[in-house]
Amino acid sequence: MLQALSIDYKKIIMELSDFFLTASQAALQLEVSRITIWRWVKEGKFNAQFIGREALIPKWEVDLCKAKIGRQNV
């Protein structure tokens, strides 16, 4: 009989936190809503990786987006 595979997603996400941000973290850094982040992921503006239902966005992509937004506000 097969047993349910127990995966600790939070532990995996914590181990990747040096390289990735969650959608909520990215939203806070970019000062936009989580819905905007999800829309940008869907549009392909971020190359998000998914662990379970959590979208992980590379930190360098958030930094690039932050720099672009900063230049537009100047």
Protein backbone atom coordinates (compact mmCIF):
# COMPACT_ATOMS: atom_id res chain seq x y z
CA MET A 1 0.00 0.00 0.00
CA LEU A 2 1.31 3.45 -0.90
CA GLN A 3 1.83 5.94 1.89
CA ALA A 4 1.28 9.64 1.40
CA LEU A 5 4.52 11.45 0.71
CA SER A 6 5.10 14.02 3.42
CA ILE A 7 7.01 17.00 2.09
CA ASP A 8 7.97 19.91 4.31
CA TYR A 9 7.55 22.75 1.80
CA LYS A 10 8.37 25.45 4.35
CA LYS A 11 11.73 23.80 5.05
CA ILE A 12 12.54 23.65 1.33
CA ILE A 13 11.56 27.29 0.86
CA MET A 14 13.73 28.34 3.82
CA GLU A 15 16.72 26.53 2.30
CA LEU A 16 16.22 28.41 -0.98
CA SER A 17 15.69 31.81 0.67
CA ASP A 18 19.23 32.96 -0.21
CA PHE A 19 18.33 32.80 -3.90
CA PHE A 20 14.54 33.17 -4.13
CA LEU A 21 11.75 35.32 -2.72
CA THR A 22 8.17 34.28 -2.22
CA ALA A 23 5.51 36.24 -4.08
CA SER A 24 4.65 38.06 -0.83
CA GLN A 25 8.28 39.00 -0.19
CA ALA A 26 8.71 40.22 -3.77
CA ALA A 27 5.53 42.30 -3.46
CA LEU A 28 6.87 43.97 -0.31
CA GLN A 29 10.22 44.76 -1.91
CA LEU A 30 8.64 46.17 -5.07
CA GLU A 31 5.84 47.93 -3.18
CA VAL A 32 3.12 46.31 -5.27
CA SER A 33 0.34 43.89 -4.40
CA ARG A 34 0.70 40.10 -4.42
CA ILE A 35 -1.89 40.06 -7.19
CA THR A 36 0.41 42.21 -9.33
CA ILE A 37 3.26 39.77 -8.71
CA TRP A 38 1.05 36.83 -9.75
CA ARG A 39 -0.03 38.72 -12.88
CA TRP A 40 3.61 39.41 -13.76
CA VAL A 41 4.45 35.73 -13.24
CA LYS A 42 1.58 34.76 -15.54
CA GLU A 43 2.73 37.30 -18.14
CA GLY A 44 6.26 35.88 -18.01
CA LYS A 45 7.94 38.93 -16.45
CA PHE A 46 9.32 36.68 -13.71
CA ASN A 47 10.69 33.19 -14.17
CA ALA A 48 9.01 31.79 -11.08
CA GLN A 49 9.62 28.28 -9.81
CA PHE A 50 6.86 26.55 -7.92
CA ILE A 51 7.15 24.44 -4.80
CA GLY A 52 3.70 23.21 -3.98
CA ARG A 53 1.48 26.23 -4.41
CA GLU A 54 4.20 28.73 -3.52
CA ALA A 55 5.79 30.75 -6.30
CA LEU A 56 9.49 31.42 -5.80
CA ILE A 57 10.97 34.30 -7.73
CA PRO A 58 14.73 34.66 -8.23
CA LYS A 59 16.10 37.54 -6.15
CA TRP A 60 18.12 38.86 -9.07
CA GLU A 61 14.94 39.27 -11.14
CA VAL A 62 13.30 41.24 -8.33
CA ASP A 63 16.44 43.41 -8.07
CA LEU A 64 16.34 44.10 -11.82
CA CYS A 65 12.66 45.00 -11.65
CA LYS A 66 13.32 47.25 -8.66
CA ALA A 67 16.05 49.06 -10.60
CA LYS A 68 13.72 49.51 -13.60
CA ILE A 69 10.94 50.88 -11.41
CA GLY A 70 13.43 53.25 -9.74
CA ARG A 71 14.56 54.64 -13.08
CA GLN A 72 10.97 55.23 -14.19
CA ASN A 73 10.21 57.24 -11.04
CA VAL A 74 13.16 59.60 -11.51
